[in-house]
Amino acid sequence: MTGGYDMAYVLLGIAIAAEVMATSLLKATAGFTRLGPTLACLGGYGLAFVLLSQAVKQIPVGVAYALWSGLGTATIVAIGAVFLGEPVGAVKLAGIALIIAGVVIVNLTGAH
């Protein structure tokens, strides 16, 4: 990674963080009836998509989306387990491992 790719991956990382933050707030919006969490949630999604659109100018969209979905899913599962008391069993962990393996495979075979 050099030049524009470095910044593109930084933007993608921030986009993923914004999407994870927004998704984490969904429950707090109470079906979009609570103004503060709703605005933060929608703002997070908006920022995430703006940054993702900038990142894919340099990163192949398949690679960017694989990272976005894989890292986002794994992070949301961890947040759900740690902060929301959601159960995490062996089957769920195996699913997350398969998602991460898929992201690695896509990145190893993707044209950079």
N, C-alpha and C. Protein backbone atom coordinates (compact mmCIF):
# COMPACT_ATOMS: atom_id res chain seq x y z
N MET A 1 0.85 -1.18 0.00
CA MET A 1 0.00 0.00 0.00
C MET A 1 0.89 1.24 0.00
N THR A 2 0.69 2.06 -0.98
CA THR A 2 1.43 3.31 -1.03
C THR A 2 0.52 4.42 -1.53
N GLY A 3 0.90 5.63 -1.19
CA GLY A 3 0.18 6.80 -1.71
C GLY A 3 -1.29 6.82 -1.38
N GLY A 4 -2.11 6.88 -2.43
CA GLY A 4 -3.55 6.96 -2.28
C GLY A 4 -4.16 5.75 -1.60
N TYR A 5 -3.50 4.58 -1.74
CA TYR A 5 -4.03 3.38 -1.10
C TYR A 5 -4.00 3.51 0.42
N ASP A 6 -2.93 4.09 0.95
CA ASP A 6 -2.84 4.26 2.41
C ASP A 6 -4.02 5.07 2.93
N MET A 7 -4.29 6.20 2.31
CA MET A 7 -5.39 7.05 2.75
C MET A 7 -6.73 6.37 2.52
N ALA A 8 -6.84 5.62 1.44
CA ALA A 8 -8.09 4.91 1.16
C ALA A 8 -8.39 3.90 2.26
N TYR A 9 -7.38 3.20 2.73
CA TYR A 9 -7.58 2.22 3.80
C TYR A 9 -7.88 2.92 5.13
N VAL A 10 -7.30 4.08 5.36
CA VAL A 10 -7.64 4.86 6.55
C VAL A 10 -9.11 5.27 6.49
N LEU A 11 -9.53 5.79 5.34
CA LEU A 11 -10.94 6.18 5.17
C LEU A 11 -11.86 4.99 5.35
N LEU A 12 -11.48 3.84 4.81
CA LEU A 12 -12.29 2.63 4.97
C LEU A 12 -12.38 2.24 6.44
N GLY A 13 -11.29 2.33 7.16
CA GLY A 13 -11.30 2.01 8.59
C GLY A 13 -12.23 2.93 9.37
N ILE A 14 -12.19 4.21 9.06
CA ILE A 14 -13.09 5.16 9.73
C ILE A 14 -14.53 4.89 9.33
N ALA A 15 -14.75 4.54 8.06
CA ALA A 15 -16.11 4.21 7.60
C ALA A 15 -16.66 3.00 8.35
N ILE A 16 -15.82 1.99 8.53
CA ILE A 16 -16.25 0.80 9.27
C ILE A 16 -16.58 1.16 10.71
N ALA A 17 -15.73 1.98 11.33
CA ALA A 17 -15.98 2.40 12.72
C ALA A 17 -17.28 3.19 12.83
N ALA A 18 -17.55 4.06 11.86
CA ALA A 18 -18.78 4.85 11.88
C ALA A 18 -20.00 3.95 11.71
N GLU A 19 -19.90 2.97 10.83
CA GLU A 19 -21.01 2.04 10.61
C GLU A 19 -21.27 1.18 11.85
N VAL A 20 -20.20 0.74 12.49
CA VAL A 20 -20.33 -0.06 13.71
C VAL A 20 -20.97 0.78 14.82
N MET A 21 -20.54 2.04 14.96
CA MET A 21 -21.13 2.93 15.96
C MET A 21 -22.61 3.12 15.69
N ALA A 22 -22.97 3.35 14.43
CA ALA A 22 -24.37 3.57 14.07
C ALA A 22 -25.20 2.32 14.34
N THR A 23 -24.69 1.18 13.97
CA THR A 23 -25.41 -0.07 14.21
C THR A 23 -25.56 -0.33 15.70
N SER A 24 -24.54 -0.01 16.46
CA SER A 24 -24.61 -0.19 17.92
C SER A 24 -25.69 0.69 18.55
N LEU A 25 -26.01 1.80 17.91
CA LEU A 25 -27.02 2.72 18.43
C LEU A 25 -28.45 2.36 18.03
N LEU A 26 -28.61 1.42 17.13
CA LEU A 26 -29.96 1.10 16.63
C LEU A 26 -30.94 0.79 17.76
N LYS A 27 -30.52 -0.03 18.72
CA LYS A 27 -31.42 -0.39 19.82
C LYS A 27 -31.80 0.84 20.63
N ALA A 28 -30.84 1.74 20.82
CA ALA A 28 -31.08 2.96 21.62
C ALA A 28 -32.04 3.93 20.93
N THR A 29 -32.24 3.79 19.62
CA THR A 29 -33.16 4.69 18.93
C THR A 29 -34.62 4.37 19.25
N ALA A 30 -34.86 3.17 19.80
CA ALA A 30 -36.22 2.71 20.12
C ALA A 30 -37.14 2.85 18.90
N GLY A 31 -36.67 2.28 17.79
CA GLY A 31 -37.47 2.35 16.57
C GLY A 31 -37.49 3.74 15.97
N PHE A 32 -36.44 4.47 16.15
CA PHE A 32 -36.30 5.86 15.67
C PHE A 32 -37.31 6.80 16.33
N THR A 33 -37.64 6.53 17.59
CA THR A 33 -38.53 7.41 18.34
C THR A 33 -37.77 8.31 19.31
N ARG A 34 -36.50 8.04 19.53
CA ARG A 34 -35.68 8.87 20.42
C ARG A 34 -34.75 9.71 19.56
N LEU A 35 -34.89 11.04 19.66
CA LEU A 35 -34.22 11.96 18.75
C LEU A 35 -32.69 11.87 18.79
N GLY A 36 -32.10 11.95 19.97
CA GLY A 36 -30.63 11.97 20.07
C GLY A 36 -29.98 10.73 19.47
N PRO A 37 -30.36 9.54 19.93
CA PRO A 37 -29.76 8.34 19.34
C PRO A 37 -30.07 8.19 17.85
N THR A 38 -31.27 8.63 17.44
CA THR A 38 -31.63 8.54 16.03
C THR A 38 -30.73 9.42 15.17
N LEU A 39 -30.50 10.65 15.60
CA LEU A 39 -29.63 11.55 14.85
C LEU A 39 -28.20 11.03 14.81
N ALA A 40 -27.70 10.50 15.93
CA ALA A 40 -26.35 9.95 15.97
C ALA A 40 -26.25 8.72 15.06
N CYS A 41 -27.27 7.88 15.09
CA CYS A 41 -27.30 6.68 14.25
C CYS A 41 -27.29 7.05 12.77
N LEU A 42 -28.18 7.91 12.36
CA LEU A 42 -28.26 8.31 10.96
C LEU A 42 -27.01 9.06 10.51
N GLY A 43 -26.46 9.88 11.39
CA GLY A 43 -25.22 10.58 11.09
C GLY A 43 -24.06 9.61 10.89
N GLY A 44 -24.01 8.58 11.74
CA GLY A 44 -22.96 7.57 11.61
C GLY A 44 -23.06 6.82 10.30
N TYR A 45 -24.29 6.43 9.92
CA TYR A 45 -24.46 5.76 8.63
C TYR A 45 -24.12 6.67 7.47
N GLY A 46 -24.52 7.94 7.56
CA GLY A 46 -24.20 8.89 6.49
C GLY A 46 -22.69 9.05 6.33
N LEU A 47 -21.99 9.24 7.44
CA LEU A 47 -20.53 9.38 7.41
C LEU A 47 -19.90 8.11 6.84
N ALA A 48 -20.40 6.96 7.28
CA ALA A 48 -19.84 5.70 6.81
C ALA A 48 -19.93 5.57 5.30
N PHE A 49 -21.08 5.89 4.73
CA PHE A 49 -21.23 5.74 3.28
C PHE A 49 -20.45 6.79 2.50
N VAL A 50 -20.34 8.00 3.04
CA VAL A 50 -19.52 9.02 2.37
C VAL A 50 -18.07 8.57 2.32
N LEU A 51 -17.56 8.08 3.45
CA LEU A 51 -16.17 7.64 3.50
C LEU A 51 -15.94 6.38 2.67
N LEU A 52 -16.89 5.46 2.69
CA LEU A 52 -16.78 4.26 1.86
C LEU A 52 -16.72 4.65 0.38
N SER A 53 -17.54 5.60 -0.03
CA SER A 53 -17.54 6.03 -1.44
C SER A 53 -16.20 6.64 -1.83
N GLN A 54 -15.53 7.29 -0.89
CA GLN A 54 -14.21 7.85 -1.18
C GLN A 54 -13.15 6.74 -1.23
N ALA A 55 -13.27 5.77 -0.32
CA ALA A 55 -12.29 4.68 -0.26
C ALA A 55 -12.29 3.84 -1.54
N VAL A 56 -13.47 3.61 -2.10
CA VAL A 56 -13.54 2.74 -3.29
C VAL A 56 -13.03 3.43 -4.56
N LYS A 57 -12.62 4.67 -4.45
CA LYS A 57 -11.93 5.30 -5.57
C LYS A 57 -10.56 4.66 -5.78
N GLN A 58 -9.98 4.12 -4.71
CA GLN A 58 -8.65 3.51 -4.77
C GLN A 58 -8.66 2.00 -4.51
N ILE A 59 -9.60 1.55 -3.70
CA ILE A 59 -9.66 0.13 -3.31
C ILE A 59 -10.73 -0.54 -4.17
N PRO A 60 -10.45 -1.72 -4.71
CA PRO A 60 -11.50 -2.41 -5.46
C PRO A 60 -12.74 -2.60 -4.57
N VAL A 61 -13.90 -2.38 -5.14
CA VAL A 61 -15.13 -2.39 -4.35
C VAL A 61 -15.36 -3.74 -3.67
N GLY A 62 -15.00 -4.84 -4.32
CA GLY A 62 -15.17 -6.16 -3.71
C GLY A 62 -14.30 -6.33 -2.47
N VAL A 63 -13.08 -5.84 -2.54
CA VAL A 63 -12.17 -5.91 -1.40
C VAL A 63 -12.67 -5.00 -0.27
N ALA A 64 -13.06 -3.78 -0.64
CA ALA A 64 -13.55 -2.83 0.37
C ALA A 64 -14.79 -3.37 1.06
N TYR A 65 -15.71 -3.92 0.29
CA TYR A 65 -16.95 -4.42 0.89
C TYR A 65 -16.71 -5.67 1.72
N ALA A 66 -15.78 -6.51 1.31
CA ALA A 66 -15.44 -7.69 2.11
C ALA A 66 -14.90 -7.26 3.47
N LEU A 67 -14.01 -6.28 3.47
CA LEU A 67 -13.48 -5.77 4.74
C LEU A 67 -14.59 -5.12 5.56
N TRP A 68 -15.39 -4.28 4.91
CA TRP A 68 -16.50 -3.57 5.57
C TRP A 68 -17.43 -4.56 6.25
N SER A 69 -17.90 -5.53 5.50
CA SER A 69 -18.90 -6.45 6.06
C SER A 69 -18.29 -7.41 7.07
N GLY A 70 -17.12 -7.93 6.78
CA GLY A 70 -16.49 -8.89 7.69
C GLY A 70 -16.08 -8.28 9.01
N LEU A 71 -15.34 -7.19 8.95
CA LEU A 71 -14.90 -6.53 10.18
C LEU A 71 -16.08 -5.94 10.94
N GLY A 72 -17.03 -5.38 10.20
CA GLY A 72 -18.22 -4.82 10.85
C GLY A 72 -19.01 -5.88 11.57
N THR A 73 -19.24 -7.02 10.92
CA THR A 73 -20.00 -8.10 11.54
C THR A 73 -19.31 -8.64 12.77
N ALA A 74 -18.02 -8.91 12.66
CA ALA A 74 -17.27 -9.43 13.82
C ALA A 74 -17.29 -8.44 14.98
N THR A 75 -17.14 -7.17 14.69
CA THR A 75 -17.14 -6.15 15.74
C THR A 75 -18.52 -6.02 16.40
N ILE A 76 -19.58 -6.06 15.60
CA ILE A 76 -20.93 -5.97 16.15
C ILE A 76 -21.24 -7.18 17.03
N VAL A 77 -20.81 -8.35 16.63
CA VAL A 77 -21.02 -9.54 17.47
C VAL A 77 -20.30 -9.37 18.81
N ALA A 78 -19.07 -8.86 18.77
CA ALA A 78 -18.32 -8.64 20.01
C ALA A 78 -19.00 -7.58 20.88
N ILE A 79 -19.46 -6.49 20.29
CA ILE A 79 -20.16 -5.45 21.05
C ILE A 79 -21.45 -6.01 21.65
N GLY A 80 -22.18 -6.79 20.87
CA GLY A 80 -23.40 -7.40 21.37
C GLY A 80 -23.14 -8.30 22.56
N ALA A 81 -22.06 -9.06 22.49
CA ALA A 81 -21.73 -9.97 23.58
C ALA A 81 -21.27 -9.21 24.83
N VAL A 82 -20.41 -8.23 24.65
CA VAL A 82 -19.81 -7.53 25.79
C VAL A 82 -20.77 -6.51 26.42
N PHE A 83 -21.45 -5.73 25.59
CA PHE A 83 -22.24 -4.63 26.12
C PHE A 83 -23.74 -4.88 26.17
N LEU A 84 -24.23 -5.80 25.34
CA LEU A 84 -25.68 -6.02 25.29
C LEU A 84 -26.09 -7.38 25.85
N GLY A 85 -25.12 -8.13 26.33
CA GLY A 85 -25.42 -9.42 26.95
C GLY A 85 -25.94 -10.47 25.98
N GLU A 86 -25.63 -10.34 24.70
CA GLU A 86 -26.09 -11.32 23.72
C GLU A 86 -25.22 -12.57 23.81
N PRO A 87 -25.84 -13.74 23.68
CA PRO A 87 -25.06 -14.98 23.80
C PRO A 87 -24.14 -15.21 22.60
N VAL A 88 -22.97 -15.77 22.89
CA VAL A 88 -22.02 -16.14 21.84
C VAL A 88 -21.59 -17.57 22.11
N GLY A 89 -22.06 -18.48 21.28
CA GLY A 89 -21.71 -19.89 21.43
C GLY A 89 -20.71 -20.32 20.38
N ALA A 90 -20.41 -21.59 20.39
CA ALA A 90 -19.42 -22.15 19.47
C ALA A 90 -19.85 -21.98 18.01
N VAL A 91 -21.13 -22.17 17.74
CA VAL A 91 -21.60 -22.06 16.36
C VAL A 91 -21.47 -20.62 15.86
N LYS A 92 -21.82 -19.65 16.69
CA LYS A 92 -21.68 -18.24 16.30
C LYS A 92 -20.21 -17.89 16.08
N LEU A 93 -19.34 -18.37 16.96
CA LEU A 93 -17.91 -18.11 16.80
C LEU A 93 -17.38 -18.76 15.52
N ALA A 94 -17.85 -19.95 15.20
CA ALA A 94 -17.44 -20.61 13.96
C ALA A 94 -17.89 -19.80 12.75
N GLY A 95 -19.10 -19.25 12.81
CA GLY A 95 -19.59 -18.41 11.72
C GLY A 95 -18.74 -17.17 11.53
N ILE A 96 -18.37 -16.54 12.63
CA ILE A 96 -17.51 -15.35 12.55
C ILE A 96 -16.14 -15.74 11.97
N ALA A 97 -15.61 -16.88 12.38
CA ALA A 97 -14.33 -17.33 11.85
C ALA A 97 -14.42 -17.56 10.34
N LEU A 98 -15.54 -18.11 9.87
CA LEU A 98 -15.71 -18.32 8.43
C LEU A 98 -15.81 -16.99 7.68
N ILE A 99 -16.49 -16.02 8.28
CA ILE A 99 -16.57 -14.69 7.65
C ILE A 99 -15.18 -14.08 7.54
N ILE A 100 -14.41 -14.15 8.61
CA ILE A 100 -13.05 -13.60 8.60
C ILE A 100 -12.19 -14.33 7.58
N ALA A 101 -12.33 -15.65 7.51
CA ALA A 101 -11.58 -16.42 6.51
C ALA A 101 -11.96 -15.97 5.10
N GLY A 102 -13.22 -15.73 4.87
CA GLY A 102 -13.67 -15.24 3.56
C GLY A 102 -13.07 -13.89 3.22
N VAL A 103 -13.01 -13.00 4.19
CA VAL A 103 -12.41 -11.67 3.97
C VAL A 103 -10.93 -11.83 3.62
N VAL A 104 -10.24 -12.70 4.33
CA VAL A 104 -8.82 -12.92 4.04
C VAL A 104 -8.64 -13.46 2.62
N ILE A 105 -9.46 -14.43 2.24
CA ILE A 105 -9.37 -15.01 0.90
C ILE A 105 -9.63 -13.96 -0.16
N VAL A 106 -10.67 -13.16 0.02
CA VAL A 106 -10.98 -12.11 -0.96
C VAL A 106 -9.81 -11.14 -1.08
N ASN A 107 -9.19 -10.79 0.05
CA ASN A 107 -8.08 -9.85 0.02
C ASN A 107 -6.83 -10.47 -0.60
N LEU A 108 -6.61 -11.74 -0.39
CA LEU A 108 -5.44 -12.40 -0.98
C LEU A 108 -5.57 -12.56 -2.49
N THR A 109 -6.80 -12.70 -2.97
CA THR A 109 -7.01 -12.90 -4.40
C THR A 109 -7.42 -11.63 -5.12
N GLY A 110 -7.72 -10.56 -4.34
CA GLY A 110 -8.15 -9.30 -4.96
C GLY A 110 -7.00 -8.59 -5.63
N ALA A 111 -7.31 -7.88 -6.70
CA ALA A 111 -6.29 -7.09 -7.40
C ALA A 111 -6.11 -5.77 -6.67
N HIS A 112 -4.91 -5.51 -6.22
CA HIS A 112 -4.61 -4.27 -5.50
C HIS A 112 -3.80 -3.36 -6.38
